[in-house]
Structures are given as C-alpha cells and as structure tokens.
Amino acid sequence: MKEYIRIVALAAFCAAPATAQLATSGPVASVDNIPPAPATNLQALASAGESVSLSWTLSTDDARSFTTFGDQVVPTGEVHGYRVYRTDFFLPVDDSGGVVLGWFTREGARVDFDDFFLLADRFGSSGADADFELFFDIVPNGQIDVDDFLRFADDFGKTVTQEQGSEKLIATLRPGISEFVDDDVVSGASYIYDVRAFDGDNETGVVAPFASNEDIARTALAVGGDQ
C-alpha cells in the first residue's frame, strides 16, 4: 500500500487575512487488517507408531490477491505460511478410570439429562444423512441407534474428570505446505489440532464448531506401535 503524507491546513484566528500554515505528519504506517481465508478440511490420522499425520486444504489466499482501496490497488489475503497448534488432553474418565463416552455436553462434571437429550435428538440418523454427527455414534456402526443408547446408559450419572493441557504452537510452515507429521505424541493421549493461515498481521484458524464432523476430524488418539 502506498504511504501518504497528510497535509493539514491550519486556519489563522485573526481579523486580518493571513497565509494558511501547512503542517506535515510523518509517514503513516501500513496496517493489514484483512485476515487470510482459513485452511479447510483438516484431518488428523494416528499412525501405527507414535505419530499423527495432518493434512489440510490450503487457504484460498495462498496466492496473492488484490483489491481496491480508494483509487489504489492493494494486496490482500497474502499468506505468509501456516502455524500448527496442538491441545493435549486425555479421554474423559469416571472415578474408576473407565472411559466415559456419553459426556456430550462437556459441561459440568456429570453425565446427566442434558447429555441424554442431545443423544435423543439424533436418534435414527445415519451416515447417509448429510448432517450425520459422528460424535454421537459411540458404538461405531454408522448410525445413532439402540446400541448407542445402551452404551450411554452405562455412563449415565457418572462423575467425569478430564485432563487437558493448554494450546501450544508446534510448527510454523511456509506457504504451499498442506501436511505435517507430529511425532512428539504419547500413546494413549488425545490431541486436537488447529492449522492457522497467517499474513503479516493476522492469522485465521480452522472453523470447526465443537463436536462437529470437522472438529472430530482434527482430533486424534495416539496409538503406540505395540497396541
């Protein structure tokens, strides 16, 4: 973007006509307030060894594009690269250490009727439906059915605990890169990934509402080679 010199006319407050005084400011810093489009289709896949392979579709702004600003043409959406973030957490468990699958709300500390109603709203849906939600298929068979309700009944009323770490940056990649292998994982732990396209002043994360298929796709359970 071109930088401008701002010229300010100062009126002279006197009765007699006076020559206007001119003052100039310093160069105005260019600020990019247009974030790049997000990366999409983020997939996390745990391998047989202790690693997780990530892949995604590049931001649509991974090639420089332009827009108009007044009578100027300025670059917008240029991607400088991608930052890969990871949040570590362990599966929710009950007091005895058993895995709890029916804690759908992820709120409070107990599996209760709020979780039941979420599951009931989805009863009968299957993978053939465009809005099928894998998160609720806790007995995986491609449909929300009686098997899921029976498994949920085992969890109903349980007190839940879950360990979770803070999000951390694990890699910074150049433009045009759409995959990454995370080999610093622990067998038995789960990880949520986010890939954020960034430019000089902004970054944009993956749009993945909690428990959506996009959210599940970016979550991986690390499995050791001996399991």
C-alpha atoms as a PDB file:
ATOM      1  CA  MET A   1       0.000   0.000   0.000  1.00  0.00           C
ATOM      2  CA  LYS A   2       1.332   3.482  -0.775  1.00  0.00           C
ATOM      3  CA  GLU A   3       2.084   5.670   2.205  1.00  0.00           C
ATOM      4  CA  TYR A   4       0.611   9.140   2.303  1.00  0.00           C
ATOM      5  CA  ILE A   5       1.784  12.476   3.662  1.00  0.00           C
ATOM      6  CA  ARG A   6      -1.161  14.068   5.423  1.00  0.00           C
ATOM      7  CA  ILE A   7      -1.428  17.833   4.776  1.00  0.00           C
ATOM      8  CA  VAL A   8      -3.386  19.830   7.318  1.00  0.00           C
ATOM      9  CA  ALA A   9      -4.491  23.438   6.684  1.00  0.00           C
ATOM     10  CA  LEU A  10      -4.470  25.475   9.862  1.00  0.00           C
ATOM     11  CA  ALA A  11      -6.817  28.485   9.836  1.00  0.00           C
ATOM     12  CA  ALA A  12      -5.380  31.653  11.341  1.00  0.00           C
ATOM     13  CA  PHE A  13      -7.690  33.004  14.031  1.00  0.00           C
ATOM     14  CA  CYS A  14      -7.221  36.738  13.467  1.00  0.00           C
ATOM     15  CA  ALA A  15      -9.152  39.567  11.904  1.00  0.00           C
ATOM     16  CA  ALA A  16      -6.684  40.278   9.126  1.00  0.00           C
ATOM     17  CA  PRO A  17      -6.269  37.762   6.298  1.00  0.00           C
ATOM     18  CA  ALA A  18      -3.322  35.503   6.883  1.00  0.00           C
ATOM     19  CA  THR A  19      -1.491  32.953   4.875  1.00  0.00           C
ATOM     20  CA  ALA A  20      -2.552  29.406   5.769  1.00  0.00           C
ATOM     21  CA  GLN A  21       0.126  27.408   7.512  1.00  0.00           C
ATOM     22  CA  LEU A  22       0.925  23.894   6.346  1.00  0.00           C
ATOM     23  CA  ALA A  23       1.983  21.048   8.618  1.00  0.00           C
ATOM     24  CA  THR A  24       3.053  17.581   7.579  1.00  0.00           C
ATOM     25  CA  SER A  25       2.933  14.379   9.522  1.00  0.00           C
ATOM     26  CA  GLY A  26       5.355  11.517   9.282  1.00  0.00           C
ATOM     27  CA  PRO A  27       4.663   8.536   7.048  1.00  0.00           C
ATOM     28  CA  VAL A  28       1.519   6.630   8.000  1.00  0.00           C
ATOM     29  CA  ALA A  29       2.301   3.016   8.800  1.00  0.00           C
ATOM     30  CA  SER A  30       0.572   0.451   6.628  1.00  0.00           C
ATOM     31  CA  VAL A  31      -1.643  -1.925   8.620  1.00  0.00           C
ATOM     32  CA  ASP A  32      -3.133  -5.087   7.157  1.00  0.00           C
ATOM     33  CA  ASN A  33      -6.494  -5.689   8.817  1.00  0.00           C
ATOM     34  CA  ILE A  34      -7.725  -8.284   6.315  1.00  0.00           C
ATOM     35  CA  PRO A  35      -7.076 -11.793   7.686  1.00  0.00           C
ATOM     36  CA  PRO A  36      -6.381 -14.634   5.267  1.00  0.00           C
ATOM     37  CA  ALA A  37      -9.048 -17.206   4.500  1.00  0.00           C
ATOM     38  CA  PRO A  38      -8.763 -20.264   6.768  1.00  0.00           C
ATOM     39  CA  ALA A  39      -7.291 -23.610   5.863  1.00  0.00           C
ATOM     40  CA  THR A  40     -10.062 -26.212   5.484  1.00  0.00           C
ATOM     41  CA  ASN A  41     -10.601 -29.980   5.593  1.00  0.00           C
ATOM     42  CA  LEU A  42      -8.099 -30.516   8.397  1.00  0.00           C
ATOM     43  CA  GLN A  43      -7.607 -34.247   9.015  1.00  0.00           C
ATOM     44  CA  ALA A  44      -5.593 -35.852  11.816  1.00  0.00           C
ATOM     45  CA  LEU A  45      -4.672 -39.511  11.433  1.00  0.00           C
ATOM     46  CA  ALA A  46      -2.753 -41.518  14.040  1.00  0.00           C
ATOM     47  CA  SER A  47      -0.276 -43.988  12.572  1.00  0.00           C
ATOM     48  CA  ALA A  48       0.679 -47.419  13.912  1.00  0.00           C
ATOM     49  CA  GLY A  49       3.706 -45.797  15.534  1.00  0.00           C
ATOM     50  CA  GLU A  50       3.584 -42.871  17.926  1.00  0.00           C
ATOM     51  CA  SER A  51       2.896 -40.084  15.440  1.00  0.00           C
ATOM     52  CA  VAL A  52      -0.045 -38.185  13.961  1.00  0.00           C
ATOM     53  CA  SER A  53      -0.212 -37.153  10.302  1.00  0.00           C
ATOM     54  CA  LEU A  54      -2.042 -33.931   9.470  1.00  0.00           C
ATOM     55  CA  SER A  55      -3.345 -32.777   6.107  1.00  0.00           C
ATOM     56  CA  TRP A  56      -5.476 -29.817   5.060  1.00  0.00           C
ATOM     57  CA  THR A  57      -6.649 -27.807   2.088  1.00  0.00           C
ATOM     58  CA  LEU A  58      -4.640 -24.633   1.559  1.00  0.00           C
ATOM     59  CA  SER A  59      -6.166 -21.245   2.259  1.00  0.00           C
ATOM     60  CA  THR A  60      -7.765 -19.760  -0.828  1.00  0.00           C
ATOM     61  CA  ASP A  61      -5.488 -16.771  -0.189  1.00  0.00           C
ATOM     62  CA  ASP A  62      -2.341 -18.862  -0.567  1.00  0.00           C
ATOM     63  CA  ALA A  63      -1.766 -16.948  -3.798  1.00  0.00           C
ATOM     64  CA  ARG A  64      -1.572 -13.173  -3.605  1.00  0.00           C
ATOM     65  CA  SER A  65      -4.823 -11.403  -4.489  1.00  0.00           C
ATOM     66  CA  PHE A  66      -5.677  -7.705  -4.801  1.00  0.00           C
ATOM     67  CA  THR A  67      -8.487  -5.330  -4.003  1.00  0.00           C
ATOM     68  CA  THR A  68      -9.124  -1.594  -4.432  1.00  0.00           C
ATOM     69  CA  PHE A  69      -8.818   0.993  -1.694  1.00  0.00           C
ATOM     70  CA  GLY A  70      -9.926   4.365  -2.952  1.00  0.00           C
ATOM     71  CA  ASP A  71      -8.013   4.844  -6.175  1.00  0.00           C
ATOM     72  CA  GLN A  72      -5.287   2.445  -5.097  1.00  0.00           C
ATOM     73  CA  VAL A  73      -4.835  -1.261  -5.763  1.00  0.00           C
ATOM     74  CA  VAL A  74      -3.517  -3.048  -2.672  1.00  0.00           C
ATOM     75  CA  PRO A  75      -2.581  -6.674  -1.948  1.00  0.00           C
ATOM     76  CA  THR A  76      -4.941  -8.575   0.326  1.00  0.00           C
ATOM     77  CA  GLY A  77      -5.070 -12.030   1.839  1.00  0.00           C
ATOM     78  CA  GLU A  78      -1.449 -12.862   1.123  1.00  0.00           C
ATOM     79  CA  VAL A  79      -0.478 -15.963   3.150  1.00  0.00           C
ATOM     80  CA  HIS A  80       2.973 -15.947   4.721  1.00  0.00           C
ATOM     81  CA  GLY A  81       2.614 -19.505   5.978  1.00  0.00           C
ATOM     82  CA  TYR A  82       0.785 -21.806   8.393  1.00  0.00           C
ATOM     83  CA  ARG A  83       1.080 -22.280  12.140  1.00  0.00           C
ATOM     84  CA  VAL A  84       0.177 -25.670  13.590  1.00  0.00           C
ATOM     85  CA  TYR A  85      -1.236 -25.671  17.134  1.00  0.00           C
ATOM     86  CA  ARG A  86      -1.990 -28.633  19.385  1.00  0.00           C
ATOM     87  CA  THR A  87      -4.027 -29.093  22.559  1.00  0.00           C
ATOM     88  CA  ASP A  88      -3.228 -32.218  24.593  1.00  0.00           C
ATOM     89  CA  PHE A  89      -5.935 -33.966  26.551  1.00  0.00           C
ATOM     90  CA  PHE A  90      -6.821 -37.380  27.886  1.00  0.00           C
ATOM     91  CA  LEU A  91     -10.173 -39.040  27.318  1.00  0.00           C
ATOM     92  CA  PRO A  92     -12.816 -38.293  29.973  1.00  0.00           C
ATOM     93  CA  VAL A  93     -12.896 -40.962  32.672  1.00  0.00           C
ATOM     94  CA  ASP A  94     -15.027 -41.872  35.687  1.00  0.00           C
ATOM     95  CA  ASP A  95     -13.863 -42.382  39.277  1.00  0.00           C
ATOM     96  CA  SER A  96     -12.586 -45.872  38.477  1.00  0.00           C
ATOM     97  CA  GLY A  97     -10.613 -44.723  35.422  1.00  0.00           C
ATOM     98  CA  GLY A  98     -13.059 -46.112  32.852  1.00  0.00           C
ATOM     99  CA  VAL A  99     -13.561 -44.116  29.660  1.00  0.00           C
ATOM    100  CA  VAL A 100     -16.825 -42.114  29.567  1.00  0.00           C
ATOM    101  CA  LEU A 101     -18.315 -41.785  26.076  1.00  0.00           C
ATOM    102  CA  GLY A 102     -21.686 -40.256  26.911  1.00  0.00           C
ATOM    103  CA  TRP A 103     -20.473 -36.897  28.214  1.00  0.00           C
ATOM    104  CA  PHE A 104     -21.659 -34.987  25.152  1.00  0.00           C
ATOM    105  CA  THR A 105     -22.095 -31.522  26.633  1.00  0.00           C
ATOM    106  CA  ARG A 106     -18.525 -31.325  28.002  1.00  0.00           C
ATOM    107  CA  GLU A 107     -20.044 -29.127  30.715  1.00  0.00           C
ATOM    108  CA  GLY A 108     -20.260 -29.714  34.441  1.00  0.00           C
ATOM    109  CA  ALA A 109     -18.769 -32.890  35.874  1.00  0.00           C
ATOM    110  CA  ARG A 110     -21.518 -35.459  35.438  1.00  0.00           C
ATOM    111  CA  VAL A 111     -23.319 -37.297  32.642  1.00  0.00           C
ATOM    112  CA  ASP A 112     -26.916 -36.158  33.033  1.00  0.00           C
ATOM    113  CA  PHE A 113     -30.188 -35.492  31.201  1.00  0.00           C
ATOM    114  CA  ASP A 114     -28.666 -32.702  29.095  1.00  0.00           C
ATOM    115  CA  ASP A 115     -26.442 -35.350  27.530  1.00  0.00           C
ATOM    116  CA  PHE A 116     -29.402 -37.714  27.139  1.00  0.00           C
ATOM    117  CA  PHE A 117     -31.481 -35.127  25.257  1.00  0.00           C
ATOM    118  CA  LEU A 118     -28.610 -34.405  22.873  1.00  0.00           C
ATOM    119  CA  LEU A 119     -28.390 -38.088  22.005  1.00  0.00           C
ATOM    120  CA  ALA A 120     -32.186 -38.475  21.771  1.00  0.00           C
ATOM    121  CA  ASP A 121     -32.408 -35.586  19.280  1.00  0.00           C
ATOM    122  CA  ARG A 122     -30.150 -37.539  16.938  1.00  0.00           C
ATOM    123  CA  PHE A 123     -31.723 -40.962  17.310  1.00  0.00           C
ATOM    124  CA  GLY A 124     -32.278 -42.649  13.955  1.00  0.00           C
ATOM    125  CA  SER A 125     -29.773 -40.594  11.976  1.00  0.00           C
ATOM    126  CA  SER A 126     -27.141 -42.379   9.909  1.00  0.00           C
ATOM    127  CA  GLY A 127     -24.108 -41.823   7.759  1.00  0.00           C
ATOM    128  CA  ALA A 128     -26.412 -41.427   4.758  1.00  0.00           C
ATOM    129  CA  ASP A 129     -27.610 -38.106   6.208  1.00  0.00           C
ATOM    130  CA  ALA A 130     -25.670 -35.011   5.231  1.00  0.00           C
ATOM    131  CA  ASP A 131     -25.750 -33.722   8.815  1.00  0.00           C
ATOM    132  CA  PHE A 132     -24.788 -37.026  10.498  1.00  0.00           C
ATOM    133  CA  GLU A 133     -22.705 -36.323  13.614  1.00  0.00           C
ATOM    134  CA  LEU A 134     -20.027 -38.920  14.320  1.00  0.00           C
ATOM    135  CA  PHE A 135     -19.554 -37.639  17.855  1.00  0.00           C
ATOM    136  CA  PHE A 136     -22.785 -39.345  18.948  1.00  0.00           C
ATOM    137  CA  ASP A 137     -22.100 -42.693  17.285  1.00  0.00           C
ATOM    138  CA  ILE A 138     -20.398 -44.008  20.441  1.00  0.00           C
ATOM    139  CA  VAL A 139     -20.826 -47.635  19.353  1.00  0.00           C
ATOM    140  CA  PRO A 140     -19.464 -47.065  15.845  1.00  0.00           C
ATOM    141  CA  ASN A 141     -21.721 -48.575  13.195  1.00  0.00           C
ATOM    142  CA  GLY A 142     -22.645 -45.558  11.077  1.00  0.00           C
ATOM    143  CA  GLN A 143     -25.965 -44.797  12.771  1.00  0.00           C
ATOM    144  CA  ILE A 144     -27.392 -43.491  16.040  1.00  0.00           C
ATOM    145  CA  ASP A 145     -29.400 -46.413  17.342  1.00  0.00           C
ATOM    146  CA  VAL A 146     -30.279 -48.528  20.376  1.00  0.00           C
ATOM    147  CA  ASP A 147     -26.678 -49.691  20.760  1.00  0.00           C
ATOM    148  CA  ASP A 148     -25.620 -46.111  21.416  1.00  0.00           C
ATOM    149  CA  PHE A 149     -28.390 -45.622  23.986  1.00  0.00           C
ATOM    150  CA  LEU A 150     -27.416 -48.813  25.816  1.00  0.00           C
ATOM    151  CA  ARG A 151     -23.788 -47.698  25.948  1.00  0.00           C
ATOM    152  CA  PHE A 152     -24.913 -44.251  27.082  1.00  0.00           C
ATOM    153  CA  ALA A 153     -26.979 -45.838  29.874  1.00  0.00           C
ATOM    154  CA  ASP A 154     -23.760 -47.298  31.270  1.00  0.00           C
ATOM    155  CA  ASP A 155     -22.350 -43.775  31.599  1.00  0.00           C
ATOM    156  CA  PHE A 156     -25.457 -42.025  32.886  1.00  0.00           C
ATOM    157  CA  GLY A 157     -24.901 -40.447  36.300  1.00  0.00           C
ATOM    158  CA  LYS A 158     -21.139 -40.928  36.290  1.00  0.00           C
ATOM    159  CA  THR A 159     -18.849 -38.198  37.580  1.00  0.00           C
ATOM    160  CA  VAL A 160     -16.376 -37.199  34.897  1.00  0.00           C
ATOM    161  CA  THR A 161     -12.819 -35.902  35.005  1.00  0.00           C
ATOM    162  CA  GLN A 162     -10.618 -34.936  32.090  1.00  0.00           C
ATOM    163  CA  GLU A 163      -7.043 -33.705  31.995  1.00  0.00           C
ATOM    164  CA  GLN A 164      -6.317 -31.102  29.379  1.00  0.00           C
ATOM    165  CA  GLY A 165      -3.273 -29.008  28.612  1.00  0.00           C
ATOM    166  CA  SER A 166      -3.062 -25.556  27.103  1.00  0.00           C
ATOM    167  CA  GLU A 167      -2.778 -24.974  23.385  1.00  0.00           C
ATOM    168  CA  LYS A 168       0.791 -24.749  22.094  1.00  0.00           C
ATOM    169  CA  LEU A 169       2.469 -23.918  18.801  1.00  0.00           C
ATOM    170  CA  ILE A 170       4.271 -26.987  17.427  1.00  0.00           C
ATOM    171  CA  ALA A 171       5.252 -25.905  13.902  1.00  0.00           C
ATOM    172  CA  THR A 172       5.446 -22.920  11.554  1.00  0.00           C
ATOM    173  CA  LEU A 173       5.358 -23.828   7.868  1.00  0.00           C
ATOM    174  CA  ARG A 174       5.895 -21.887   4.666  1.00  0.00           C
ATOM    175  CA  PRO A 175       3.111 -21.147   2.137  1.00  0.00           C
ATOM    176  CA  GLY A 176       2.031 -24.021  -0.084  1.00  0.00           C
ATOM    177  CA  ILE A 177       2.506 -26.668   2.613  1.00  0.00           C
ATOM    178  CA  SER A 178      -0.604 -28.760   3.319  1.00  0.00           C
ATOM    179  CA  GLU A 179       0.678 -31.582   5.527  1.00  0.00           C
ATOM    180  CA  PHE A 180       2.679 -32.152   8.686  1.00  0.00           C
ATOM    181  CA  VAL A 181       3.691 -35.146  10.837  1.00  0.00           C
ATOM    182  CA  ASP A 182       3.606 -34.695  14.608  1.00  0.00           C
ATOM    183  CA  ASP A 183       5.970 -37.295  16.072  1.00  0.00           C
ATOM    184  CA  ASP A 184       6.074 -35.836  19.573  1.00  0.00           C
ATOM    185  CA  VAL A 185       2.988 -37.605  20.939  1.00  0.00           C
ATOM    186  CA  VAL A 186       2.319 -40.036  23.772  1.00  0.00           C
ATOM    187  CA  SER A 187       0.495 -43.322  23.249  1.00  0.00           C
ATOM    188  CA  GLY A 188      -2.982 -43.212  24.780  1.00  0.00           C
ATOM    189  CA  ALA A 189      -3.309 -39.423  24.730  1.00  0.00           C
ATOM    190  CA  SER A 190      -5.684 -37.485  22.502  1.00  0.00           C
ATOM    191  CA  TYR A 191      -4.835 -34.323  20.637  1.00  0.00           C
ATOM    192  CA  ILE A 192      -6.825 -31.546  18.993  1.00  0.00           C
ATOM    193  CA  TYR A 193      -5.065 -29.702  16.171  1.00  0.00           C
ATOM    194  CA  ASP A 194      -5.593 -26.321  14.586  1.00  0.00           C
ATOM    195  CA  VAL A 195      -3.849 -25.009  11.459  1.00  0.00           C
ATOM    196  CA  ARG A 196      -3.887 -21.237  11.073  1.00  0.00           C
ATOM    197  CA  ALA A 197      -3.026 -19.370   7.919  1.00  0.00           C
ATOM    198  CA  PHE A 198      -1.174 -16.147   8.714  1.00  0.00           C
ATOM    199  CA  ASP A 199      -0.035 -12.990   6.955  1.00  0.00           C
ATOM    200  CA  GLY A 200       1.930 -10.038   8.271  1.00  0.00           C
ATOM    201  CA  ASP A 201      -0.599  -9.001  10.923  1.00  0.00           C
ATOM    202  CA  ASN A 202      -3.286 -11.686  11.259  1.00  0.00           C
ATOM    203  CA  GLU A 203      -3.914 -15.399  11.475  1.00  0.00           C
ATOM    204  CA  THR A 204      -7.076 -17.414  10.862  1.00  0.00           C
ATOM    205  CA  GLY A 205      -7.853 -20.781  12.432  1.00  0.00           C
ATOM    206  CA  VAL A 206      -9.885 -23.717  11.194  1.00  0.00           C
ATOM    207  CA  VAL A 207     -13.641 -23.179  11.512  1.00  0.00           C
ATOM    208  CA  ALA A 208     -14.774 -26.280  13.423  1.00  0.00           C
ATOM    209  CA  PRO A 209     -17.673 -25.988  15.908  1.00  0.00           C
ATOM    210  CA  PHE A 210     -17.357 -28.276  18.919  1.00  0.00           C
ATOM    211  CA  ALA A 211     -18.393 -31.898  18.203  1.00  0.00           C
ATOM    212  CA  SER A 212     -18.959 -31.168  14.518  1.00  0.00           C
ATOM    213  CA  ASN A 213     -17.566 -33.596  11.962  1.00  0.00           C
ATOM    214  CA  GLU A 214     -14.856 -31.033  11.208  1.00  0.00           C
ATOM    215  CA  ASP A 215     -13.943 -30.928  14.901  1.00  0.00           C
ATOM    216  CA  ILE A 216     -13.777 -34.715  15.148  1.00  0.00           C
ATOM    217  CA  ALA A 217     -11.640 -34.970  12.010  1.00  0.00           C
ATOM    218  CA  ARG A 218      -8.914 -32.804  13.562  1.00  0.00           C
ATOM    219  CA  THR A 219      -8.814 -34.907  16.751  1.00  0.00           C
ATOM    220  CA  ALA A 220      -6.515 -37.922  17.023  1.00  0.00           C
ATOM    221  CA  LEU A 221      -5.873 -40.611  19.624  1.00  0.00           C
ATOM    222  CA  ALA A 222      -2.193 -41.558  19.559  1.00  0.00           C
ATOM    223  CA  VAL A 223      -1.693 -45.336  19.490  1.00  0.00           C
ATOM    224  CA  GLY A 224       1.667 -46.947  20.085  1.00  0.00           C
ATOM    225  CA  GLY A 225       3.102 -49.487  17.670  1.00  0.00           C
ATOM    226  CA  ASP A 226       2.624 -52.326  20.155  1.00  0.00           C
ATOM    227  CA  GLN A 227      -1.117 -51.726  20.594  1.00  0.00           C
END
